[in-house]
Amino acid sequence: KIHEGKIIYRNLKPENIVLDDKGNIKVIDFSKSKMLTYDGERGLSLVGAPEYMAPEIILGKGQSFVVDYWMLGILIYQLYYGYTPFEDDYIDKIYEQILYSNAKFDSAIPINADLKKLIIGLLTKDDSKRLNDDTIKSCDYFKNKIKDNNFWSKVENYEINCPLKPKINEEMQE
């Protein structure tokens, strides 16, 4: 829905994801976001956490909506392995890894082939070939997991029964 509003989020990372009382995922902190006001417009700021930055951000090429899918690839990788694929003590080394290396998959930790393919598709350096709004829902990972033809519309309309519902007490609501 963010992209439908012509907004590039540019700040996807674990700290910016919360669950509502029904277990639905919500993103917070839109401070790095950019609204694109005309077709073909691109964001130009050097923004985001270094480990999550897409190559086009680092290179100053400008960003379209697929920059968020790069960050989604980093996030999925991190959720799976417990660390991001591009890490170093020095930011310039992280940028160098992002630009010139591919994510490495730890052979000691088995990964589903379709999930690995999804991550690789999201971490495609050429933003014109990266999985995007039109292609991500039909990738093998989701095709092989989701049998309900109305799944994505149910997700968008909050009609999915989420397995994890946080307990919110009165103090948290204030």
C-alpha atoms as a PDB file:
ATOM      1  CA  LYS A   1       0.000   0.000   0.000  1.00  0.00           C
ATOM      2  CA  ILE A   2       2.942   2.352   0.599  1.00  0.00           C
ATOM      3  CA  HIS A   3       3.996   2.119  -3.049  1.00  0.00           C
ATOM      4  CA  GLU A   4       0.416   2.645  -4.214  1.00  0.00           C
ATOM      5  CA  GLY A   5       0.655   6.014  -2.453  1.00  0.00           C
ATOM      6  CA  LYS A   6       3.776   6.747  -4.570  1.00  0.00           C
ATOM      7  CA  ILE A   7       6.028   6.541  -1.497  1.00  0.00           C
ATOM      8  CA  ILE A   8       9.483   4.946  -1.385  1.00  0.00           C
ATOM      9  CA  TYR A   9       9.986   3.807   2.206  1.00  0.00           C
ATOM     10  CA  ARG A  10      13.822   3.450   2.212  1.00  0.00           C
ATOM     11  CA  ASN A  11      14.114   2.427   5.867  1.00  0.00           C
ATOM     12  CA  LEU A  12      13.078  -1.216   6.132  1.00  0.00           C
ATOM     13  CA  LYS A  13      14.870  -2.949   8.997  1.00  0.00           C
ATOM     14  CA  PRO A  14      13.779  -4.950  12.059  1.00  0.00           C
ATOM     15  CA  GLU A  15      13.617  -1.884  14.319  1.00  0.00           C
ATOM     16  CA  ASN A  16      10.960  -0.362  12.069  1.00  0.00           C
ATOM     17  CA  ILE A  17       8.550  -3.286  12.091  1.00  0.00           C
ATOM     18  CA  VAL A  18       5.887  -3.695  14.760  1.00  0.00           C
ATOM     19  CA  LEU A  19       2.815  -5.862  15.207  1.00  0.00           C
ATOM     20  CA  ASP A  20      -0.612  -4.444  15.979  1.00  0.00           C
ATOM     21  CA  ASP A  21      -2.895  -6.081  18.551  1.00  0.00           C
ATOM     22  CA  LYS A  22      -4.179  -8.527  15.891  1.00  0.00           C
ATOM     23  CA  GLY A  23      -0.666  -9.538  14.772  1.00  0.00           C
ATOM     24  CA  ASN A  24      -0.638  -7.539  11.531  1.00  0.00           C
ATOM     25  CA  ILE A  25       2.743  -6.183  10.463  1.00  0.00           C
ATOM     26  CA  LYS A  26       3.080  -2.399  10.460  1.00  0.00           C
ATOM     27  CA  VAL A  27       6.071  -0.307   9.434  1.00  0.00           C
ATOM     28  CA  ILE A  28       7.014   2.756  11.448  1.00  0.00           C
ATOM     29  CA  ASP A  29       9.459   5.648  11.050  1.00  0.00           C
ATOM     30  CA  PHE A  30       8.818   7.249   7.702  1.00  0.00           C
ATOM     31  CA  SER A  31      11.633   9.788   8.220  1.00  0.00           C
ATOM     32  CA  LYS A  32      13.643   8.416   5.251  1.00  0.00           C
ATOM     33  CA  SER A  33      10.633   8.118   2.936  1.00  0.00           C
ATOM     34  CA  LYS A  34      10.150  10.053  -0.266  1.00  0.00           C
ATOM     35  CA  MET A  35       6.932  10.727  -2.103  1.00  0.00           C
ATOM     36  CA  LEU A  36       7.352  10.572  -5.867  1.00  0.00           C
ATOM     37  CA  THR A  37       5.107  13.211  -7.388  1.00  0.00           C
ATOM     38  CA  TYR A  38       5.498  12.382 -11.098  1.00  0.00           C
ATOM     39  CA  ASP A  39       6.197   9.300 -13.222  1.00  0.00           C
ATOM     40  CA  GLY A  40       9.889   8.600 -13.620  1.00  0.00           C
ATOM     41  CA  GLU A  41      10.882  10.631 -10.558  1.00  0.00           C
ATOM     42  CA  ARG A  42      13.544   9.039  -8.364  1.00  0.00           C
ATOM     43  CA  GLY A  43      14.784   9.644  -4.836  1.00  0.00           C
ATOM     44  CA  LEU A  44      18.333  10.957  -4.696  1.00  0.00           C
ATOM     45  CA  SER A  45      19.288  11.090  -1.002  1.00  0.00           C
ATOM     46  CA  LEU A  46      21.935   8.892   0.595  1.00  0.00           C
ATOM     47  CA  VAL A  47      19.598   7.388   3.199  1.00  0.00           C
ATOM     48  CA  GLY A  48      19.137   4.224   5.208  1.00  0.00           C
ATOM     49  CA  ALA A  49      21.166   1.963   7.441  1.00  0.00           C
ATOM     50  CA  PRO A  50      24.428   1.078   5.631  1.00  0.00           C
ATOM     51  CA  GLU A  51      23.867  -2.713   5.808  1.00  0.00           C
ATOM     52  CA  TYR A  52      20.475  -2.280   4.113  1.00  0.00           C
ATOM     53  CA  MET A  53      21.368   0.232   1.393  1.00  0.00           C
ATOM     54  CA  ALA A  54      20.730  -0.799  -2.175  1.00  0.00           C
ATOM     55  CA  PRO A  55      23.506  -0.309  -4.733  1.00  0.00           C
ATOM     56  CA  GLU A  56      21.596   2.509  -6.446  1.00  0.00           C
ATOM     57  CA  ILE A  57      21.515   4.485  -3.177  1.00  0.00           C
ATOM     58  CA  ILE A  58      25.276   4.113  -2.682  1.00  0.00           C
ATOM     59  CA  LEU A  59      25.999   5.030  -6.309  1.00  0.00           C
ATOM     60  CA  GLY A  60      23.684   8.054  -6.220  1.00  0.00           C
ATOM     61  CA  LYS A  61      21.771   6.747  -9.263  1.00  0.00           C
ATOM     62  CA  GLY A  62      18.437   7.581  -7.710  1.00  0.00           C
ATOM     63  CA  GLN A  63      15.916   5.227  -6.218  1.00  0.00           C
ATOM     64  CA  SER A  64      12.586   3.871  -7.350  1.00  0.00           C
ATOM     65  CA  PHE A  65      10.226   1.591  -5.436  1.00  0.00           C
ATOM     66  CA  VAL A  66      12.473  -1.463  -5.936  1.00  0.00           C
ATOM     67  CA  VAL A  67      14.950  -0.036  -3.419  1.00  0.00           C
ATOM     68  CA  ASP A  68      12.465  -1.218  -0.784  1.00  0.00           C
ATOM     69  CA  TYR A  69      12.615  -4.736  -2.198  1.00  0.00           C
ATOM     70  CA  TRP A  70      16.408  -4.771  -1.864  1.00  0.00           C
ATOM     71  CA  MET A  71      15.899  -3.887   1.810  1.00  0.00           C
ATOM     72  CA  LEU A  72      13.268  -6.623   2.083  1.00  0.00           C
ATOM     73  CA  GLY A  73      15.861  -9.106   0.765  1.00  0.00           C
ATOM     74  CA  ILE A  74      18.337  -7.971   3.420  1.00  0.00           C
ATOM     75  CA  LEU A  75      15.626  -8.230   6.081  1.00  0.00           C
ATOM     76  CA  ILE A  76      14.583 -11.756   5.064  1.00  0.00           C
ATOM     77  CA  TYR A  77      18.234 -12.845   4.987  1.00  0.00           C
ATOM     78  CA  GLN A  78      18.773 -11.353   8.458  1.00  0.00           C
ATOM     79  CA  LEU A  79      15.653 -12.964   9.881  1.00  0.00           C
ATOM     80  CA  TYR A  80      16.789 -16.326   8.516  1.00  0.00           C
ATOM     81  CA  TYR A  81      20.502 -16.225   9.424  1.00  0.00           C
ATOM     82  CA  GLY A  82      20.537 -13.774  12.335  1.00  0.00           C
ATOM     83  CA  TYR A  83      22.865 -11.304  10.612  1.00  0.00           C
ATOM     84  CA  THR A  84      22.875  -9.206   7.437  1.00  0.00           C
ATOM     85  CA  PRO A  85      24.744 -10.429   4.340  1.00  0.00           C
ATOM     86  CA  PHE A  86      26.985  -7.353   4.131  1.00  0.00           C
ATOM     87  CA  GLU A  87      28.732  -6.538   7.408  1.00  0.00           C
ATOM     88  CA  ASP A  88      31.960  -4.864   8.445  1.00  0.00           C
ATOM     89  CA  ASP A  89      33.217  -2.443  11.092  1.00  0.00           C
ATOM     90  CA  TYR A  90      33.760   0.183   8.398  1.00  0.00           C
ATOM     91  CA  ILE A  91      30.921   1.682   6.370  1.00  0.00           C
ATOM     92  CA  ASP A  92      33.009   2.000   3.195  1.00  0.00           C
ATOM     93  CA  LYS A  93      33.757  -1.753   3.380  1.00  0.00           C
ATOM     94  CA  ILE A  94      30.027  -2.481   3.712  1.00  0.00           C
ATOM     95  CA  TYR A  95      29.369  -0.337   0.639  1.00  0.00           C
ATOM     96  CA  GLU A  96      32.135  -2.152  -1.248  1.00  0.00           C
ATOM     97  CA  GLN A  97      30.594  -5.534  -0.380  1.00  0.00           C
ATOM     98  CA  ILE A  98      27.135  -4.362  -1.491  1.00  0.00           C
ATOM     99  CA  LEU A  99      28.483  -3.088  -4.803  1.00  0.00           C
ATOM    100  CA  TYR A 100      30.910  -5.886  -5.673  1.00  0.00           C
ATOM    101  CA  SER A 101      29.962  -9.041  -3.733  1.00  0.00           C
ATOM    102  CA  ASN A 102      26.927 -11.252  -3.616  1.00  0.00           C
ATOM    103  CA  ALA A 103      25.210 -12.472  -0.478  1.00  0.00           C
ATOM    104  CA  LYS A 104      26.794 -15.681   0.755  1.00  0.00           C
ATOM    105  CA  PHE A 105      24.590 -18.497   1.983  1.00  0.00           C
ATOM    106  CA  ASP A 106      26.039 -20.476   4.876  1.00  0.00           C
ATOM    107  CA  SER A 107      26.199 -24.100   3.722  1.00  0.00           C
ATOM    108  CA  ALA A 108      26.039 -25.246   7.373  1.00  0.00           C
ATOM    109  CA  ILE A 109      22.514 -23.805   7.620  1.00  0.00           C
ATOM    110  CA  PRO A 110      20.144 -25.465   5.138  1.00  0.00           C
ATOM    111  CA  ILE A 111      17.862 -23.099   3.255  1.00  0.00           C
ATOM    112  CA  ASN A 112      14.829 -23.878   1.117  1.00  0.00           C
ATOM    113  CA  ALA A 113      15.774 -23.469  -2.580  1.00  0.00           C
ATOM    114  CA  ASP A 114      12.753 -21.241  -3.289  1.00  0.00           C
ATOM    115  CA  LEU A 115      13.556 -18.995  -0.305  1.00  0.00           C
ATOM    116  CA  LYS A 116      17.166 -18.689  -1.475  1.00  0.00           C
ATOM    117  CA  LYS A 117      15.943 -17.824  -4.976  1.00  0.00           C
ATOM    118  CA  LEU A 118      13.602 -15.188  -3.501  1.00  0.00           C
ATOM    119  CA  ILE A 119      16.443 -13.572  -1.544  1.00  0.00           C
ATOM    120  CA  ILE A 120      18.711 -13.608  -4.612  1.00  0.00           C
ATOM    121  CA  GLY A 121      15.912 -12.064  -6.699  1.00  0.00           C
ATOM    122  CA  LEU A 122      15.468  -9.311  -4.131  1.00  0.00           C
ATOM    123  CA  LEU A 123      19.227  -8.728  -3.861  1.00  0.00           C
ATOM    124  CA  THR A 124      19.762  -8.314  -7.594  1.00  0.00           C
ATOM    125  CA  LYS A 125      22.172  -5.410  -8.016  1.00  0.00           C
ATOM    126  CA  ASP A 126      20.620  -4.227 -11.287  1.00  0.00           C
ATOM    127  CA  ASP A 127      17.442  -2.540 -10.053  1.00  0.00           C
ATOM    128  CA  SER A 128      15.729  -3.017 -13.430  1.00  0.00           C
ATOM    129  CA  LYS A 129      16.032  -6.823 -12.991  1.00  0.00           C
ATOM    130  CA  ARG A 130      15.186  -6.988  -9.281  1.00  0.00           C
ATOM    131  CA  LEU A 131      11.958  -8.565  -8.072  1.00  0.00           C
ATOM    132  CA  ASN A 132       9.402  -5.792  -7.829  1.00  0.00           C
ATOM    133  CA  ASP A 133       5.748  -4.966  -7.143  1.00  0.00           C
ATOM    134  CA  ASP A 134       4.662  -6.985 -10.182  1.00  0.00           C
ATOM    135  CA  THR A 135       6.921 -10.031  -9.872  1.00  0.00           C
ATOM    136  CA  ILE A 136       7.406 -10.758  -6.185  1.00  0.00           C
ATOM    137  CA  LYS A 137       3.934 -12.229  -5.576  1.00  0.00           C
ATOM    138  CA  SER A 138       4.367 -14.735  -8.402  1.00  0.00           C
ATOM    139  CA  CYS A 139       7.867 -15.951  -7.490  1.00  0.00           C
ATOM    140  CA  ASP A 140       8.287 -19.683  -6.779  1.00  0.00           C
ATOM    141  CA  TYR A 141       8.553 -19.201  -3.020  1.00  0.00           C
ATOM    142  CA  PHE A 142       5.055 -17.746  -2.761  1.00  0.00           C
ATOM    143  CA  LYS A 143       3.603 -19.831  -5.601  1.00  0.00           C
ATOM    144  CA  ASN A 144       4.623 -23.043  -3.857  1.00  0.00           C
ATOM    145  CA  LYS A 145       3.456 -21.920  -0.387  1.00  0.00           C
ATOM    146  CA  ILE A 146       0.196 -20.128  -1.140  1.00  0.00           C
ATOM    147  CA  LYS A 147      -2.688 -22.084  -2.610  1.00  0.00           C
ATOM    148  CA  ASP A 148      -5.417 -19.483  -1.932  1.00  0.00           C
ATOM    149  CA  ASN A 149      -5.927 -17.323  -5.052  1.00  0.00           C
ATOM    150  CA  ASN A 150      -7.262 -14.497  -2.877  1.00  0.00           C
ATOM    151  CA  PHE A 151      -4.371 -14.571  -0.381  1.00  0.00           C
ATOM    152  CA  TRP A 152      -2.799 -11.233  -1.339  1.00  0.00           C
ATOM    153  CA  SER A 153      -6.100  -9.340  -1.282  1.00  0.00           C
ATOM    154  CA  LYS A 154      -6.824 -10.916   2.118  1.00  0.00           C
ATOM    155  CA  VAL A 155      -3.434  -9.722   3.377  1.00  0.00           C
ATOM    156  CA  GLU A 156      -4.092  -6.199   2.085  1.00  0.00           C
ATOM    157  CA  ASN A 157      -7.528  -6.152   3.727  1.00  0.00           C
ATOM    158  CA  TYR A 158      -6.286  -7.591   7.060  1.00  0.00           C
ATOM    159  CA  GLU A 159      -8.408 -10.721   6.617  1.00  0.00           C
ATOM    160  CA  ILE A 160      -5.654 -13.207   7.508  1.00  0.00           C
ATOM    161  CA  ASN A 161      -5.741 -14.760  10.962  1.00  0.00           C
ATOM    162  CA  CYS A 162      -2.229 -13.977  12.204  1.00  0.00           C
ATOM    163  CA  PRO A 163      -0.641 -16.740  14.323  1.00  0.00           C
ATOM    164  CA  LEU A 164       1.119 -14.291  16.664  1.00  0.00           C
ATOM    165  CA  LYS A 165      -1.033 -11.796  18.556  1.00  0.00           C
ATOM    166  CA  PRO A 166       0.875  -9.682  21.065  1.00  0.00           C
ATOM    167  CA  LYS A 167      -0.679  -9.152  24.466  1.00  0.00           C
ATOM    168  CA  ILE A 168      -1.105  -5.436  24.979  1.00  0.00           C
ATOM    169  CA  ASN A 169      -1.811  -4.198  28.477  1.00  0.00           C
ATOM    170  CA  GLU A 170      -3.317  -0.818  29.392  1.00  0.00           C
ATOM    171  CA  GLU A 171       0.077   0.721  30.215  1.00  0.00           C
ATOM    172  CA  MET A 172       1.338  -0.007  26.667  1.00  0.00           C
ATOM    173  CA  GLN A 173      -1.647   1.727  25.105  1.00  0.00           C
ATOM    174  CA  GLU A 174      -0.932   5.087  26.782  1.00  0.00           C
END
